[in-house]
């Protein structure tokens, strides 16, 4: 999810699902980049401040989040495509 200063919270960010325990670890390691977003933060999602992260690192986190929620058939198809590249 993209958040553009949601309720004037000051964050221009994306909110993505994170593996169990990862949200807390990311926030502890880099609180200027990662935060617990409202509503979905209680379910383990993490907010990522876009001005504080490289494109490559953001892409990594988005790919990991997609792997968590994508249907199995889509993940298998994606893996097959990547193996051919």
C-alpha atoms as a PDB file:
ATOM      1  CA  UNK A   1       0.000   0.000   0.000  1.00  0.00           C
ATOM      2  CA  UNK A   2       1.244   3.502  -0.782  1.00  0.00           C
ATOM      3  CA  UNK A   3       0.683   6.092   1.942  1.00  0.00           C
ATOM      4  CA  UNK A   4       0.977   9.773   1.042  1.00  0.00           C
ATOM      5  CA  UNK A   5       1.054  11.560   4.407  1.00  0.00           C
ATOM      6  CA  UNK A   6      -1.801   9.396   5.717  1.00  0.00           C
ATOM      7  CA  UNK A   7      -3.838  11.481   8.189  1.00  0.00           C
ATOM      8  CA  UNK A   8      -0.947  13.985   8.228  1.00  0.00           C
ATOM      9  CA  UNK A   9       1.451  11.467   9.783  1.00  0.00           C
ATOM     10  CA  UNK A  10       4.393  12.884   7.812  1.00  0.00           C
ATOM     11  CA  UNK A  11       5.249   9.623   6.046  1.00  0.00           C
ATOM     12  CA  UNK A  12       5.533   9.226   2.292  1.00  0.00           C
ATOM     13  CA  UNK A  13       5.842   5.486   2.444  1.00  0.00           C
ATOM     14  CA  UNK A  14       4.765   2.038   1.435  1.00  0.00           C
ATOM     15  CA  UNK A  15       3.251  -0.435   3.851  1.00  0.00           C
ATOM     16  CA  UNK A  16       4.054  -4.081   3.181  1.00  0.00           C
ATOM     17  CA  UNK A  17       3.573  -7.402   4.963  1.00  0.00           C
ATOM     18  CA  UNK A  18       6.637  -8.711   6.741  1.00  0.00           C
ATOM     19  CA  UNK A  19       7.662 -12.143   7.961  1.00  0.00           C
ATOM     20  CA  UNK A  20       7.051 -12.838  11.665  1.00  0.00           C
ATOM     21  CA  UNK A  21       9.590 -10.954  13.767  1.00  0.00           C
ATOM     22  CA  UNK A  22      10.938  -8.942  10.846  1.00  0.00           C
ATOM     23  CA  UNK A  23       8.897  -5.806  11.557  1.00  0.00           C
ATOM     24  CA  UNK A  24      10.436  -5.335  15.005  1.00  0.00           C
ATOM     25  CA  UNK A  25      13.939  -6.138  13.770  1.00  0.00           C
ATOM     26  CA  UNK A  26      13.743  -3.627  10.916  1.00  0.00           C
ATOM     27  CA  UNK A  27      12.333  -0.869  13.110  1.00  0.00           C
ATOM     28  CA  UNK A  28      14.981  -1.473  15.763  1.00  0.00           C
ATOM     29  CA  UNK A  29      17.809  -1.501  13.202  1.00  0.00           C
ATOM     30  CA  UNK A  30      16.698   1.576  11.216  1.00  0.00           C
ATOM     31  CA  UNK A  31      13.877   3.573  12.867  1.00  0.00           C
ATOM     32  CA  UNK A  32      14.413   6.455  10.422  1.00  0.00           C
ATOM     33  CA  UNK A  33      13.453   4.127   7.555  1.00  0.00           C
ATOM     34  CA  UNK A  34      11.017   1.594   9.018  1.00  0.00           C
ATOM     35  CA  UNK A  35       7.955   2.127  11.212  1.00  0.00           C
ATOM     36  CA  UNK A  36       4.840   0.359  12.441  1.00  0.00           C
ATOM     37  CA  UNK A  37       1.972   1.624  10.285  1.00  0.00           C
ATOM     38  CA  UNK A  38      -1.523   2.164  11.661  1.00  0.00           C
ATOM     39  CA  UNK A  39      -4.192  -0.494  11.121  1.00  0.00           C
ATOM     40  CA  UNK A  40      -1.937  -3.187   9.588  1.00  0.00           C
ATOM     41  CA  UNK A  41       1.085  -2.763  11.866  1.00  0.00           C
ATOM     42  CA  UNK A  42      -0.571  -4.965  14.480  1.00  0.00           C
ATOM     43  CA  UNK A  43      -0.604  -7.746  11.863  1.00  0.00           C
ATOM     44  CA  UNK A  44       3.149  -7.468  11.303  1.00  0.00           C
ATOM     45  CA  UNK A  45       3.199  -5.121   8.326  1.00  0.00           C
ATOM     46  CA  UNK A  46       6.022  -2.600   8.180  1.00  0.00           C
ATOM     47  CA  UNK A  47       6.074   0.940   6.861  1.00  0.00           C
ATOM     48  CA  UNK A  48       9.019   1.996   4.726  1.00  0.00           C
ATOM     49  CA  UNK A  49       9.853   5.706   4.454  1.00  0.00           C
ATOM     50  CA  UNK A  50      10.584   6.200   0.743  1.00  0.00           C
ATOM     51  CA  UNK A  51      13.010   9.084   1.230  1.00  0.00           C
ATOM     52  CA  UNK A  52      15.203   6.915   3.475  1.00  0.00           C
ATOM     53  CA  UNK A  53      15.738   3.790   1.368  1.00  0.00           C
ATOM     54  CA  UNK A  54      17.523   2.953  -1.864  1.00  0.00           C
ATOM     55  CA  UNK A  55      15.557   1.711  -4.847  1.00  0.00           C
ATOM     56  CA  UNK A  56      17.392  -1.611  -4.693  1.00  0.00           C
ATOM     57  CA  UNK A  57      16.605  -2.202  -1.017  1.00  0.00           C
ATOM     58  CA  UNK A  58      12.984  -1.155  -1.515  1.00  0.00           C
ATOM     59  CA  UNK A  59      12.666  -3.563  -4.456  1.00  0.00           C
ATOM     60  CA  UNK A  60      14.061  -6.364  -2.283  1.00  0.00           C
ATOM     61  CA  UNK A  61      11.483  -5.749   0.463  1.00  0.00           C
ATOM     62  CA  UNK A  62       8.626  -5.500  -2.039  1.00  0.00           C
ATOM     63  CA  UNK A  63       9.655  -8.792  -3.692  1.00  0.00           C
ATOM     64  CA  UNK A  64       9.817 -10.501  -0.289  1.00  0.00           C
ATOM     65  CA  UNK A  65       6.385  -9.154   0.651  1.00  0.00           C
ATOM     66  CA  UNK A  66       4.939 -10.304  -2.677  1.00  0.00           C
ATOM     67  CA  UNK A  67       6.297 -13.808  -2.058  1.00  0.00           C
ATOM     68  CA  UNK A  68       4.389 -13.879   1.235  1.00  0.00           C
ATOM     69  CA  UNK A  69       0.986 -13.038  -0.242  1.00  0.00           C
ATOM     70  CA  UNK A  70       1.056 -14.172  -3.886  1.00  0.00           C
ATOM     71  CA  UNK A  71      -0.916 -17.277  -4.787  1.00  0.00           C
ATOM     72  CA  UNK A  72       1.255 -20.385  -5.111  1.00  0.00           C
ATOM     73  CA  UNK A  73       0.635 -20.698  -8.876  1.00  0.00           C
ATOM     74  CA  UNK A  74       1.911 -17.166  -9.418  1.00  0.00           C
ATOM     75  CA  UNK A  75       5.017 -17.784  -7.302  1.00  0.00           C
ATOM     76  CA  UNK A  76       5.803 -20.989  -9.215  1.00  0.00           C
ATOM     77  CA  UNK A  77       5.337 -19.205 -12.558  1.00  0.00           C
ATOM     78  CA  UNK A  78       7.558 -16.322 -11.418  1.00  0.00           C
ATOM     79  CA  UNK A  79      10.269 -18.752 -10.318  1.00  0.00           C
ATOM     80  CA  UNK A  80      10.155 -20.500 -13.693  1.00  0.00           C
ATOM     81  CA  UNK A  81      10.583 -17.194 -15.526  1.00  0.00           C
ATOM     82  CA  UNK A  82      13.486 -16.155 -13.321  1.00  0.00           C
ATOM     83  CA  UNK A  83      15.267 -19.483 -13.863  1.00  0.00           C
ATOM     84  CA  UNK A  84      15.183 -18.892 -17.644  1.00  0.00           C
ATOM     85  CA  UNK A  85      16.782 -15.442 -17.338  1.00  0.00           C
END
